[in-house]
Amino acid sequence: MRRVTTLALGLTLLVAPVVPASADSVQHPPGWQTLAPIAGGPRQEHAVAEAGGRVYVAGGVHFTADGRLTTTNRVEVYDPRRNSWSEVAPLPVALNHPNLAAVGGRLYVLGGLAGGDSWRAVPDSYVYEPWTGRWTPLPPMPSGTERGSAAMGVRGTRIYLAGGMRTLTPRDGGLQDTVDTVSSYDVVTGRWETLPSLPQARDHAGGAMIGRTLYVVGGRDRGQANVRGTVYALDLRSLRWTERAPMPTPRGGIATATVAGKIYTFGGEGNPAPGSHSVFAETEAYDAARDTWQRLEPMPVPRHGTAATAVDGTIYLPGGGTEGGGNPVDVNDAYHPAR
């Protein structure tokens, strides 16, 4: 039996000024903070992960000078202490919707989408070591499991991938091939394992690991308008999926990050409200221990197709799109959860 969802109102929107390099130890009030924009320009459908206290932005799409949406292999790094950007070695292959996770200070890219007019899944996998500045090939995703836009979680030496999509044709009515596949990759042994499938197929969902439970939050099924508010939880001991309290606002294309046992969800796509440009501004947090949701301050710049990661209790959200299907931006902001 599903528990009742409880809601709580958040605080008044706070937009703090940019923090100077010497003020990295300052404790910020709960709310939003505007940061230095992405140095390389607008980006969306990229991946984000933290390593060594820095925020890595890998792959994604942007518009060319002649207005074409194209995939990039650029990898840029944001340093929260200095509020500055730098660039490191690019991905060996240009990817959008890459599956990215950090383990032991290394970055792992496990497949994603690539191509021109129609983006298709590729199994290419790589590991990046910040101390050498090099990408090294890894065993590819097993045949039939390649996909992008998977919900991600990490426990120990294993990276978990739930759902995703094999094909995305970025135009109205274009094919979107959502899957229910769940798998894991062990960064020590290099072995892939297939796990019990999701109860329903999902792509553009949020992923989180709390304790021994992998959470898959929201997302969509075969199209931007087919948003879902479900929260699925996989117990890694029993390998059984259960359903938890649903999101107050069903959304796809969300960004998620975990701080102190709560899963924070940001923005998304598929908003039917007039004037929304199909984009959500909602910020909502899920308390895994209580199975409850809380509504918080909305995003200052509503967007979808971004990603988030936490560094020392602050959540960073670089890039994303401000209109349904596109319009990448270079916006970079941070959310400070209440402590």
C-alpha atoms as a PDB file:
ATOM      1  CA  MET A   1       0.000   0.000   0.000  1.00  0.00           C
ATOM      2  CA  ARG A   2       1.437   3.355  -1.000  1.00  0.00           C
ATOM      3  CA  ARG A   3       2.012   5.878   1.773  1.00  0.00           C
ATOM      4  CA  VAL A   4       0.361   9.287   1.721  1.00  0.00           C
ATOM      5  CA  THR A   5       2.510  12.057   0.300  1.00  0.00           C
ATOM      6  CA  THR A   6       2.912  15.093   2.561  1.00  0.00           C
ATOM      7  CA  LEU A   7       3.876  18.518   1.344  1.00  0.00           C
ATOM      8  CA  ALA A   8       5.543  21.465   3.022  1.00  0.00           C
ATOM      9  CA  LEU A   9       6.005  24.973   1.712  1.00  0.00           C
ATOM     10  CA  GLY A  10       9.538  26.191   1.147  1.00  0.00           C
ATOM     11  CA  LEU A  11      11.221  29.508   1.876  1.00  0.00           C
ATOM     12  CA  THR A  12      11.088  32.738  -0.075  1.00  0.00           C
ATOM     13  CA  LEU A  13      13.270  32.737  -3.175  1.00  0.00           C
ATOM     14  CA  LEU A  14      16.799  33.882  -2.460  1.00  0.00           C
ATOM     15  CA  VAL A  15      19.277  34.745  -5.170  1.00  0.00           C
ATOM     16  CA  ALA A  16      22.678  35.388  -3.629  1.00  0.00           C
ATOM     17  CA  PRO A  17      25.513  37.310  -5.279  1.00  0.00           C
ATOM     18  CA  VAL A  18      28.516  35.582  -6.768  1.00  0.00           C
ATOM     19  CA  VAL A  19      30.936  34.436  -4.080  1.00  0.00           C
ATOM     20  CA  PRO A  20      34.507  35.741  -4.407  1.00  0.00           C
ATOM     21  CA  ALA A  21      37.397  33.305  -4.465  1.00  0.00           C
ATOM     22  CA  SER A  22      38.334  34.082  -0.861  1.00  0.00           C
ATOM     23  CA  ALA A  23      34.867  33.309   0.504  1.00  0.00           C
ATOM     24  CA  ASP A  24      34.575  29.591  -0.269  1.00  0.00           C
ATOM     25  CA  SER A  25      34.083  28.769   3.436  1.00  0.00           C
ATOM     26  CA  VAL A  26      31.082  31.122   3.888  1.00  0.00           C
ATOM     27  CA  GLN A  27      27.852  29.441   5.000  1.00  0.00           C
ATOM     28  CA  HIS A  28      25.056  30.553   2.671  1.00  0.00           C
ATOM     29  CA  PRO A  29      21.388  30.902   3.579  1.00  0.00           C
ATOM     30  CA  PRO A  30      19.067  28.350   1.968  1.00  0.00           C
ATOM     31  CA  GLY A  31      18.187  29.217  -1.603  1.00  0.00           C
ATOM     32  CA  TRP A  32      19.672  30.014  -4.971  1.00  0.00           C
ATOM     33  CA  GLN A  33      22.981  31.592  -5.954  1.00  0.00           C
ATOM     34  CA  THR A  34      24.007  32.854  -9.407  1.00  0.00           C
ATOM     35  CA  LEU A  35      27.472  31.726 -10.505  1.00  0.00           C
ATOM     36  CA  ALA A  36      29.868  32.303 -13.401  1.00  0.00           C
ATOM     37  CA  PRO A  37      28.221  31.074 -16.642  1.00  0.00           C
ATOM     38  CA  ILE A  38      29.659  28.125 -18.554  1.00  0.00           C
ATOM     39  CA  ALA A  39      32.802  29.473 -20.182  1.00  0.00           C
ATOM     40  CA  GLY A  40      32.397  27.458 -23.368  1.00  0.00           C
ATOM     41  CA  GLY A  41      28.872  28.711 -23.960  1.00  0.00           C
ATOM     42  CA  PRO A  42      25.364  27.225 -23.867  1.00  0.00           C
ATOM     43  CA  ARG A  43      24.967  23.492 -23.256  1.00  0.00           C
ATOM     44  CA  GLN A  44      22.159  21.015 -22.621  1.00  0.00           C
ATOM     45  CA  GLU A  45      21.590  17.232 -22.606  1.00  0.00           C
ATOM     46  CA  HIS A  46      25.040  16.937 -21.031  1.00  0.00           C
ATOM     47  CA  ALA A  47      26.154  15.049 -17.921  1.00  0.00           C
ATOM     48  CA  VAL A  48      27.516  16.403 -14.653  1.00  0.00           C
ATOM     49  CA  ALA A  49      29.591  14.776 -11.906  1.00  0.00           C
ATOM     50  CA  GLU A  50      31.824  15.806  -9.011  1.00  0.00           C
ATOM     51  CA  ALA A  51      35.439  14.724  -8.636  1.00  0.00           C
ATOM     52  CA  GLY A  52      38.024  16.281  -6.351  1.00  0.00           C
ATOM     53  CA  GLY A  53      35.595  18.998  -5.291  1.00  0.00           C
ATOM     54  CA  ARG A  54      35.123  20.214  -8.858  1.00  0.00           C
ATOM     55  CA  VAL A  55      32.099  19.985 -11.170  1.00  0.00           C
ATOM     56  CA  TYR A  56      32.667  18.287 -14.543  1.00  0.00           C
ATOM     57  CA  VAL A  57      30.334  18.985 -17.490  1.00  0.00           C
ATOM     58  CA  ALA A  58      30.687  16.368 -20.228  1.00  0.00           C
ATOM     59  CA  GLY A  59      29.241  16.220 -23.734  1.00  0.00           C
ATOM     60  CA  GLY A  60      25.783  17.530 -24.588  1.00  0.00           C
ATOM     61  CA  VAL A  61      24.392  19.646 -27.418  1.00  0.00           C
ATOM     62  CA  HIS A  62      24.565  23.289 -28.473  1.00  0.00           C
ATOM     63  CA  PHE A  63      23.574  25.386 -31.472  1.00  0.00           C
ATOM     64  CA  THR A  64      26.082  26.066 -34.242  1.00  0.00           C
ATOM     65  CA  ALA A  65      26.422  29.489 -35.845  1.00  0.00           C
ATOM     66  CA  ASP A  66      23.983  28.458 -38.584  1.00  0.00           C
ATOM     67  CA  GLY A  67      21.338  27.313 -36.078  1.00  0.00           C
ATOM     68  CA  ARG A  68      21.902  23.560 -36.116  1.00  0.00           C
ATOM     69  CA  LEU A  69      21.703  21.552 -32.910  1.00  0.00           C
ATOM     70  CA  THR A  70      24.925  19.570 -32.735  1.00  0.00           C
ATOM     71  CA  THR A  71      26.599  17.186 -30.287  1.00  0.00           C
ATOM     72  CA  THR A  72      29.881  18.084 -28.605  1.00  0.00           C
ATOM     73  CA  ASN A  73      32.737  16.182 -26.989  1.00  0.00           C
ATOM     74  CA  ARG A  74      33.858  19.118 -24.834  1.00  0.00           C
ATOM     75  CA  VAL A  75      34.509  18.601 -21.132  1.00  0.00           C
ATOM     76  CA  GLU A  76      34.563  21.702 -18.959  1.00  0.00           C
ATOM     77  CA  VAL A  77      35.262  21.974 -15.239  1.00  0.00           C
ATOM     78  CA  TYR A  78      33.820  24.402 -12.711  1.00  0.00           C
ATOM     79  CA  ASP A  79      35.786  25.171  -9.561  1.00  0.00           C
ATOM     80  CA  PRO A  80      33.354  26.271  -6.806  1.00  0.00           C
ATOM     81  CA  ARG A  81      36.143  27.723  -4.651  1.00  0.00           C
ATOM     82  CA  ARG A  82      37.264  30.101  -7.382  1.00  0.00           C
ATOM     83  CA  ASN A  83      33.953  30.492  -9.246  1.00  0.00           C
ATOM     84  CA  SER A  84      35.865  29.810 -12.457  1.00  0.00           C
ATOM     85  CA  TRP A  85      35.890  27.462 -15.443  1.00  0.00           C
ATOM     86  CA  SER A  86      38.601  25.503 -17.234  1.00  0.00           C
ATOM     87  CA  GLU A  87      38.672  22.910 -19.999  1.00  0.00           C
ATOM     88  CA  VAL A  88      40.176  19.412 -19.931  1.00  0.00           C
ATOM     89  CA  ALA A  89      40.681  16.636 -22.497  1.00  0.00           C
ATOM     90  CA  PRO A  90      37.539  16.126 -24.596  1.00  0.00           C
ATOM     91  CA  LEU A  91      35.574  12.904 -24.719  1.00  0.00           C
ATOM     92  CA  PRO A  92      37.032  10.478 -27.291  1.00  0.00           C
ATOM     93  CA  VAL A  93      33.642  10.591 -29.044  1.00  0.00           C
ATOM     94  CA  ALA A  94      30.996  13.309 -29.129  1.00  0.00           C
ATOM     95  CA  LEU A  95      28.005  12.292 -26.979  1.00  0.00           C
ATOM     96  CA  ASN A  96      24.743  13.746 -25.825  1.00  0.00           C
ATOM     97  CA  HIS A  97      22.760  12.245 -22.942  1.00  0.00           C
ATOM     98  CA  PRO A  98      25.964  10.498 -21.746  1.00  0.00           C
ATOM     99  CA  ASN A  99      25.778   8.227 -18.704  1.00  0.00           C
ATOM    100  CA  LEU A 100      28.367   9.706 -16.344  1.00  0.00           C
ATOM    101  CA  ALA A 101      29.370   8.754 -12.796  1.00  0.00           C
ATOM    102  CA  ALA A 102      32.329   9.363 -10.490  1.00  0.00           C
ATOM    103  CA  VAL A 103      34.006   6.618  -8.455  1.00  0.00           C
ATOM    104  CA  GLY A 104      37.229   6.997  -6.501  1.00  0.00           C
ATOM    105  CA  GLY A 105      38.009  10.361  -8.060  1.00  0.00           C
ATOM    106  CA  ARG A 106      37.717   8.971 -11.591  1.00  0.00           C
ATOM    107  CA  LEU A 107      34.985   9.795 -14.106  1.00  0.00           C
ATOM    108  CA  TYR A 108      33.237   6.976 -15.966  1.00  0.00           C
ATOM    109  CA  VAL A 109      31.260   7.523 -19.167  1.00  0.00           C
ATOM    110  CA  LEU A 110      29.175   4.433 -19.956  1.00  0.00           C
ATOM    111  CA  GLY A 111      27.486   4.958 -23.307  1.00  0.00           C
ATOM    112  CA  GLY A 112      25.226   7.724 -24.525  1.00  0.00           C
ATOM    113  CA  LEU A 113      23.636   8.987 -27.736  1.00  0.00           C
ATOM    114  CA  ALA A 114      25.429  10.117 -30.884  1.00  0.00           C
ATOM    115  CA  GLY A 115      24.679  10.981 -34.494  1.00  0.00           C
ATOM    116  CA  GLY A 116      23.312  13.753 -36.665  1.00  0.00           C
ATOM    117  CA  ASP A 117      19.601  14.107 -37.449  1.00  0.00           C
ATOM    118  CA  SER A 118      18.670  11.109 -35.304  1.00  0.00           C
ATOM    119  CA  TRP A 119      20.586  10.311 -32.123  1.00  0.00           C
ATOM    120  CA  ARG A 120      21.236   6.630 -31.474  1.00  0.00           C
ATOM    121  CA  ALA A 121      22.750   4.779 -28.557  1.00  0.00           C
ATOM    122  CA  VAL A 122      26.413   3.829 -28.657  1.00  0.00           C
ATOM    123  CA  PRO A 123      28.112   1.398 -26.245  1.00  0.00           C
ATOM    124  CA  ASP A 124      31.416   3.309 -26.050  1.00  0.00           C
ATOM    125  CA  SER A 125      32.709   3.575 -22.493  1.00  0.00           C
ATOM    126  CA  TYR A 126      35.694   5.420 -21.030  1.00  0.00           C
ATOM    127  CA  VAL A 127      37.343   6.398 -17.757  1.00  0.00           C
ATOM    128  CA  TYR A 128      38.993   9.766 -17.078  1.00  0.00           C
ATOM    129  CA  GLU A 129      41.718  10.306 -14.491  1.00  0.00           C
ATOM    130  CA  PRO A 130      42.022  13.988 -13.513  1.00  0.00           C
ATOM    131  CA  TRP A 131      45.609  13.491 -12.334  1.00  0.00           C
ATOM    132  CA  THR A 132      46.738  12.287 -15.773  1.00  0.00           C
ATOM    133  CA  GLY A 133      44.251  14.250 -17.869  1.00  0.00           C
ATOM    134  CA  ARG A 134      43.564  11.207 -20.069  1.00  0.00           C
ATOM    135  CA  TRP A 135      40.546   9.210 -21.186  1.00  0.00           C
ATOM    136  CA  THR A 136      41.042   5.426 -21.406  1.00  0.00           C
ATOM    137  CA  PRO A 137      38.684   2.984 -23.203  1.00  0.00           C
ATOM    138  CA  LEU A 138      36.674   0.516 -21.102  1.00  0.00           C
ATOM    139  CA  PRO A 139      34.711  -2.614 -22.031  1.00  0.00           C
ATOM    140  CA  PRO A 140      31.689  -1.424 -24.035  1.00  0.00           C
ATOM    141  CA  MET A 141      28.147  -1.807 -22.783  1.00  0.00           C
ATOM    142  CA  PRO A 142      26.883  -5.327 -23.605  1.00  0.00           C
ATOM    143  CA  SER A 143      25.018  -5.637 -26.890  1.00  0.00           C
ATOM    144  CA  GLY A 144      21.380  -4.716 -26.445  1.00  0.00           C
ATOM    145  CA  THR A 145      21.936  -2.626 -23.310  1.00  0.00           C
ATOM    146  CA  GLU A 146      23.505   0.420 -24.926  1.00  0.00           C
ATOM    147  CA  ARG A 147      21.525   3.580 -24.208  1.00  0.00           C
ATOM    148  CA  GLY A 148      21.714   7.192 -23.087  1.00  0.00           C
ATOM    149  CA  SER A 149      19.792   9.233 -20.531  1.00  0.00           C
ATOM    150  CA  ALA A 150      19.862   6.506 -17.868  1.00  0.00           C
ATOM    151  CA  ALA A 151      19.166   7.245 -14.197  1.00  0.00           C
ATOM    152  CA  MET A 152      22.450   6.751 -12.354  1.00  0.00           C
ATOM    153  CA  GLY A 153      23.602   5.671  -8.907  1.00  0.00           C
ATOM    154  CA  VAL A 154      26.880   4.554  -7.333  1.00  0.00           C
ATOM    155  CA  ARG A 155      27.550   2.204  -4.428  1.00  0.00           C
ATOM    156  CA  GLY A 156      31.052   1.026  -3.656  1.00  0.00           C
ATOM    157  CA  THR A 157      32.779   0.021  -6.873  1.00  0.00           C
ATOM    158  CA  ARG A 158      29.570  -0.430  -8.863  1.00  0.00           C
ATOM    159  CA  ILE A 159      27.774   2.039 -11.098  1.00  0.00           C
ATOM    160  CA  TYR A 160      24.055   1.427 -11.635  1.00  0.00           C
ATOM    161  CA  LEU A 161      22.097   2.493 -14.721  1.00  0.00           C
ATOM    162  CA  ALA A 162      18.297   2.334 -14.850  1.00  0.00           C
ATOM    163  CA  GLY A 163      16.175   2.983 -17.913  1.00  0.00           C
ATOM    164  CA  GLY A 164      17.214   5.386 -20.647  1.00  0.00           C
ATOM    165  CA  MET A 165      16.640   5.522 -24.384  1.00  0.00           C
ATOM    166  CA  ARG A 166      18.155   3.961 -27.490  1.00  0.00           C
ATOM    167  CA  THR A 167      16.933   6.490 -30.042  1.00  0.00           C
ATOM    168  CA  LEU A 168      15.926  10.145 -29.966  1.00  0.00           C
ATOM    169  CA  THR A 169      15.024  12.011 -33.126  1.00  0.00           C
ATOM    170  CA  PRO A 170      15.002  15.690 -32.076  1.00  0.00           C
ATOM    171  CA  ARG A 171      11.970  16.935 -33.971  1.00  0.00           C
ATOM    172  CA  ASP A 172       8.207  16.968 -33.442  1.00  0.00           C
ATOM    173  CA  GLY A 173       6.923  13.406 -33.658  1.00  0.00           C
ATOM    174  CA  GLY A 174      10.433  11.985 -33.834  1.00  0.00           C
ATOM    175  CA  LEU A 175      11.142   8.487 -32.534  1.00  0.00           C
ATOM    176  CA  GLN A 176      11.949   8.179 -28.838  1.00  0.00           C
ATOM    177  CA  ASP A 177      12.785   4.613 -27.869  1.00  0.00           C
ATOM    178  CA  THR A 178      12.480   4.376 -24.068  1.00  0.00           C
ATOM    179  CA  VAL A 179      13.709   1.231 -22.259  1.00  0.00           C
ATOM    180  CA  ASP A 180      13.242  -0.451 -18.868  1.00  0.00           C
ATOM    181  CA  THR A 181      16.741  -1.979 -18.828  1.00  0.00           C
ATOM    182  CA  VAL A 182      18.692  -1.942 -15.545  1.00  0.00           C
ATOM    183  CA  SER A 183      22.369  -2.851 -15.348  1.00  0.00           C
ATOM    184  CA  SER A 184      25.515  -2.301 -13.335  1.00  0.00           C
ATOM    185  CA  TYR A 185      29.217  -1.962 -14.062  1.00  0.00           C
ATOM    186  CA  ASP A 186      31.977  -2.847 -11.598  1.00  0.00           C
ATOM    187  CA  VAL A 187      34.881  -0.439 -12.029  1.00  0.00           C
ATOM    188  CA  VAL A 188      37.348  -2.919 -10.482  1.00  0.00           C
ATOM    189  CA  THR A 189      36.471  -6.122 -12.330  1.00  0.00           C
ATOM    190  CA  GLY A 190      35.221  -4.452 -15.524  1.00  0.00           C
ATOM    191  CA  ARG A 191      32.174  -6.734 -15.479  1.00  0.00           C
ATOM    192  CA  TRP A 192      28.654  -5.813 -16.522  1.00  0.00           C
ATOM    193  CA  GLU A 193      25.574  -7.344 -14.880  1.00  0.00           C
ATOM    194  CA  THR A 194      21.901  -7.204 -15.854  1.00  0.00           C
ATOM    195  CA  LEU A 195      19.458  -6.534 -13.003  1.00  0.00           C
ATOM    196  CA  PRO A 196      15.640  -6.756 -12.714  1.00  0.00           C
ATOM    197  CA  SER A 197      13.959  -4.375 -15.146  1.00  0.00           C
ATOM    198  CA  LEU A 198      12.137  -1.227 -14.100  1.00  0.00           C
ATOM    199  CA  PRO A 199       8.402  -1.688 -13.484  1.00  0.00           C
ATOM    200  CA  GLN A 200       7.871   0.680 -16.424  1.00  0.00           C
ATOM    201  CA  ALA A 201      10.215   2.096 -19.050  1.00  0.00           C
ATOM    202  CA  ARG A 202      11.710   5.501 -18.243  1.00  0.00           C
ATOM    203  CA  ASP A 203      14.115   7.999 -19.770  1.00  0.00           C
ATOM    204  CA  HIS A 204      15.183  11.471 -18.618  1.00  0.00           C
ATOM    205  CA  ALA A 205      14.509  10.369 -15.031  1.00  0.00           C
ATOM    206  CA  GLY A 206      16.506  11.310 -11.953  1.00  0.00           C
ATOM    207  CA  GLY A 207      18.748   8.755 -10.283  1.00  0.00           C
ATOM    208  CA  ALA A 208      20.028   8.573  -6.708  1.00  0.00           C
ATOM    209  CA  MET A 209      21.624   6.085  -4.334  1.00  0.00           C
ATOM    210  CA  ILE A 210      20.791   6.241  -0.634  1.00  0.00           C
ATOM    211  CA  GLY A 211      22.223   3.418   1.440  1.00  0.00           C
ATOM    212  CA  ARG A 212      21.514   0.170  -0.387  1.00  0.00           C
ATOM    213  CA  THR A 213      18.621   1.553  -2.411  1.00  0.00           C
ATOM    214  CA  LEU A 214      18.683   2.886  -5.975  1.00  0.00           C
ATOM    215  CA  TYR A 215      15.958   5.454  -6.692  1.00  0.00           C
ATOM    216  CA  VAL A 216      14.534   6.336 -10.101  1.00  0.00           C
ATOM    217  CA  VAL A 217      12.523   9.550  -9.895  1.00  0.00           C
ATOM    218  CA  GLY A 218      10.050  10.901 -12.444  1.00  0.00           C
ATOM    219  CA  GLY A 219      11.078  10.874 -16.092  1.00  0.00           C
ATOM    220  CA  ARG A 220       9.041  10.155 -19.161  1.00  0.00           C
ATOM    221  CA  ASP A 221       8.054   7.352 -21.535  1.00  0.00           C
ATOM    222  CA  ARG A 222       8.421   7.843 -25.300  1.00  0.00           C
ATOM    223  CA  GLY A 223       7.975  11.595 -25.583  1.00  0.00           C
ATOM    224  CA  GLN A 224       8.379  14.952 -23.844  1.00  0.00           C
ATOM    225  CA  ALA A 225       4.667  15.198 -23.006  1.00  0.00           C
ATOM    226  CA  ASN A 226       4.466  11.734 -21.438  1.00  0.00           C
ATOM    227  CA  VAL A 227       5.883  12.810 -18.084  1.00  0.00           C
ATOM    228  CA  ARG A 228       5.700  10.607 -15.012  1.00  0.00           C
ATOM    229  CA  GLY A 229       5.772  11.291 -11.290  1.00  0.00           C
ATOM    230  CA  THR A 230       6.576   7.791 -10.095  1.00  0.00           C
ATOM    231  CA  VAL A 231       9.378   7.020  -7.669  1.00  0.00           C
ATOM    232  CA  TYR A 232      10.775   3.507  -8.011  1.00  0.00           C
ATOM    233  CA  ALA A 233      13.198   2.036  -5.480  1.00  0.00           C
ATOM    234  CA  LEU A 234      15.423  -1.007  -6.034  1.00  0.00           C
ATOM    235  CA  ASP A 235      16.644  -2.755  -2.887  1.00  0.00           C
ATOM    236  CA  LEU A 236      20.112  -3.995  -3.806  1.00  0.00           C
ATOM    237  CA  ARG A 237      19.887  -6.862  -1.300  1.00  0.00           C
ATOM    238  CA  SER A 238      16.566  -8.361  -2.408  1.00  0.00           C
ATOM    239  CA  LEU A 239      16.787  -6.971  -5.975  1.00  0.00           C
ATOM    240  CA  ARG A 240      13.097  -6.076  -5.780  1.00  0.00           C
ATOM    241  CA  TRP A 241      11.491  -2.881  -7.027  1.00  0.00           C
ATOM    242  CA  THR A 242       8.905  -1.038  -4.917  1.00  0.00           C
ATOM    243  CA  GLU A 243       6.984   2.160  -5.553  1.00  0.00           C
ATOM    244  CA  ARG A 244       7.310   5.108  -3.182  1.00  0.00           C
ATOM    245  CA  ALA A 245       5.400   8.377  -2.713  1.00  0.00           C
ATOM    246  CA  PRO A 246       5.001  10.062  -6.115  1.00  0.00           C
ATOM    247  CA  MET A 247       6.390  13.467  -7.054  1.00  0.00           C
ATOM    248  CA  PRO A 248       4.073  16.416  -6.338  1.00  0.00           C
ATOM    249  CA  THR A 249       4.800  17.617  -9.903  1.00  0.00           C
ATOM    250  CA  PRO A 250       5.359  14.871 -12.506  1.00  0.00           C
ATOM    251  CA  ARG A 251       8.251  15.881 -14.761  1.00  0.00           C
ATOM    252  CA  GLY A 252      10.709  14.533 -17.310  1.00  0.00           C
ATOM    253  CA  GLY A 253      14.132  15.909 -18.139  1.00  0.00           C
ATOM    254  CA  ILE A 254      14.833  16.698 -14.492  1.00  0.00           C
ATOM    255  CA  ALA A 255      18.107  17.192 -12.655  1.00  0.00           C
ATOM    256  CA  THR A 256      18.651  15.462  -9.316  1.00  0.00           C
ATOM    257  CA  ALA A 257      21.225  15.458  -6.521  1.00  0.00           C
ATOM    258  CA  THR A 258      21.317  13.945  -3.051  1.00  0.00           C
ATOM    259  CA  VAL A 259      22.204  15.769   0.163  1.00  0.00           C
ATOM    260  CA  ALA A 260      21.777  14.320   3.685  1.00  0.00           C
ATOM    261  CA  GLY A 261      19.347  11.577   2.699  1.00  0.00           C
ATOM    262  CA  LYS A 262      17.130  13.805   0.552  1.00  0.00           C
ATOM    263  CA  ILE A 263      16.801  13.719  -3.229  1.00  0.00           C
ATOM    264  CA  TYR A 264      16.484  17.208  -4.687  1.00  0.00           C
ATOM    265  CA  THR A 265      14.753  17.499  -8.069  1.00  0.00           C
ATOM    266  CA  PHE A 266      14.975  20.528 -10.351  1.00  0.00           C
ATOM    267  CA  GLY A 267      13.101  21.757 -13.413  1.00  0.00           C
ATOM    268  CA  GLY A 268      12.092  19.483 -16.244  1.00  0.00           C
ATOM    269  CA  GLU A 269      10.168  19.358 -19.494  1.00  0.00           C
ATOM    270  CA  GLY A 270       6.546  18.702 -20.437  1.00  0.00           C
ATOM    271  CA  ASN A 271       4.844  21.597 -18.658  1.00  0.00           C
ATOM    272  CA  PRO A 272       1.418  22.222 -20.291  1.00  0.00           C
ATOM    273  CA  ALA A 273       0.877  25.597 -18.577  1.00  0.00           C
ATOM    274  CA  PRO A 274       0.483  28.598 -20.942  1.00  0.00           C
ATOM    275  CA  GLY A 275       3.644  30.686 -21.119  1.00  0.00           C
ATOM    276  CA  SER A 276       5.833  27.967 -19.617  1.00  0.00           C
ATOM    277  CA  HIS A 277       7.546  27.102 -22.920  1.00  0.00           C
ATOM    278  CA  SER A 278       6.995  23.482 -21.789  1.00  0.00           C
ATOM    279  CA  VAL A 279       9.580  23.933 -18.998  1.00  0.00           C
ATOM    280  CA  PHE A 280       9.107  23.508 -15.242  1.00  0.00           C
ATOM    281  CA  ALA A 281      10.626  25.757 -12.568  1.00  0.00           C
ATOM    282  CA  GLU A 282       9.763  23.417  -9.687  1.00  0.00           C
ATOM    283  CA  THR A 283      12.255  22.434  -7.005  1.00  0.00           C
ATOM    284  CA  GLU A 284      11.054  19.562  -4.833  1.00  0.00           C
ATOM    285  CA  ALA A 285      12.848  17.347  -2.321  1.00  0.00           C
ATOM    286  CA  TYR A 286      12.147  13.731  -1.419  1.00  0.00           C
ATOM    287  CA  ASP A 287      12.954  12.519   2.105  1.00  0.00           C
ATOM    288  CA  ALA A 288      13.780   8.837   1.668  1.00  0.00           C
ATOM    289  CA  ALA A 289      13.498   8.005   5.378  1.00  0.00           C
ATOM    290  CA  ARG A 290       9.991   9.515   5.696  1.00  0.00           C
ATOM    291  CA  ASP A 291       8.778   8.808   2.150  1.00  0.00           C
ATOM    292  CA  THR A 292       7.542  12.401   1.880  1.00  0.00           C
ATOM    293  CA  TRP A 293       8.005  15.344  -0.473  1.00  0.00           C
ATOM    294  CA  GLN A 294       8.640  19.019   0.171  1.00  0.00           C
ATOM    295  CA  ARG A 295       8.119  21.934  -2.210  1.00  0.00           C
ATOM    296  CA  LEU A 296      10.989  24.428  -2.231  1.00  0.00           C
ATOM    297  CA  GLU A 297      11.957  27.653  -3.995  1.00  0.00           C
ATOM    298  CA  PRO A 298      11.529  27.420  -7.775  1.00  0.00           C
ATOM    299  CA  MET A 299      14.485  27.770 -10.125  1.00  0.00           C
ATOM    300  CA  PRO A 300      15.385  31.395 -10.975  1.00  0.00           C
ATOM    301  CA  VAL A 301      15.865  30.272 -14.592  1.00  0.00           C
ATOM    302  CA  PRO A 302      13.498  27.366 -15.347  1.00  0.00           C
ATOM    303  CA  ARG A 303      15.106  24.745 -17.540  1.00  0.00           C
ATOM    304  CA  HIS A 304      15.301  21.093 -18.508  1.00  0.00           C
ATOM    305  CA  GLY A 305      17.992  18.887 -20.006  1.00  0.00           C
ATOM    306  CA  THR A 306      20.488  19.864 -17.344  1.00  0.00           C
ATOM    307  CA  ALA A 307      22.121  17.784 -14.620  1.00  0.00           C
ATOM    308  CA  ALA A 308      23.208  18.369 -11.033  1.00  0.00           C
ATOM    309  CA  THR A 309      25.803  17.297  -8.504  1.00  0.00           C
ATOM    310  CA  ALA A 310      26.485  18.129  -4.863  1.00  0.00           C
ATOM    311  CA  VAL A 311      29.793  19.436  -3.494  1.00  0.00           C
ATOM    312  CA  ASP A 312      30.046  19.916   0.281  1.00  0.00           C
ATOM    313  CA  GLY A 313      26.273  20.120   0.642  1.00  0.00           C
ATOM    314  CA  THR A 314      25.714  22.625  -2.186  1.00  0.00           C
ATOM    315  CA  ILE A 315      24.057  21.518  -5.424  1.00  0.00           C
ATOM    316  CA  TYR A 316      25.397  22.852  -8.739  1.00  0.00           C
ATOM    317  CA  LEU A 317      23.310  22.999 -11.947  1.00  0.00           C
ATOM    318  CA  PRO A 318      25.184  24.194 -15.052  1.00  0.00           C
ATOM    319  CA  GLY A 319      23.407  24.620 -18.381  1.00  0.00           C
ATOM    320  CA  GLY A 320      20.122  23.233 -19.680  1.00  0.00           C
ATOM    321  CA  GLY A 321      17.406  24.347 -22.074  1.00  0.00           C
ATOM    322  CA  THR A 322      14.793  27.053 -21.464  1.00  0.00           C
ATOM    323  CA  GLU A 323      12.298  25.886 -24.084  1.00  0.00           C
ATOM    324  CA  GLY A 324      10.780  22.515 -24.826  1.00  0.00           C
ATOM    325  CA  GLY A 325      13.153  20.492 -26.996  1.00  0.00           C
ATOM    326  CA  GLY A 326      15.957  23.027 -27.078  1.00  0.00           C
ATOM    327  CA  ASN A 327      17.339  26.533 -26.549  1.00  0.00           C
ATOM    328  CA  PRO A 328      20.540  25.677 -24.609  1.00  0.00           C
ATOM    329  CA  VAL A 329      21.823  28.300 -22.165  1.00  0.00           C
ATOM    330  CA  ASP A 330      25.086  28.933 -20.323  1.00  0.00           C
ATOM    331  CA  VAL A 331      23.343  29.606 -16.986  1.00  0.00           C
ATOM    332  CA  ASN A 332      25.168  28.205 -13.974  1.00  0.00           C
ATOM    333  CA  ASP A 333      23.630  28.381 -10.531  1.00  0.00           C
ATOM    334  CA  ALA A 334      23.752  26.655  -7.172  1.00  0.00           C
ATOM    335  CA  TYR A 335      21.100  25.608  -4.681  1.00  0.00           C
ATOM    336  CA  HIS A 336      21.895  25.634  -0.964  1.00  0.00           C
ATOM    337  CA  PRO A 337      19.622  23.225   0.954  1.00  0.00           C
ATOM    338  CA  ALA A 338      18.549  24.177   4.469  1.00  0.00           C
ATOM    339  CA  ARG A 339      20.791  22.629   7.140  1.00  0.00           C
END
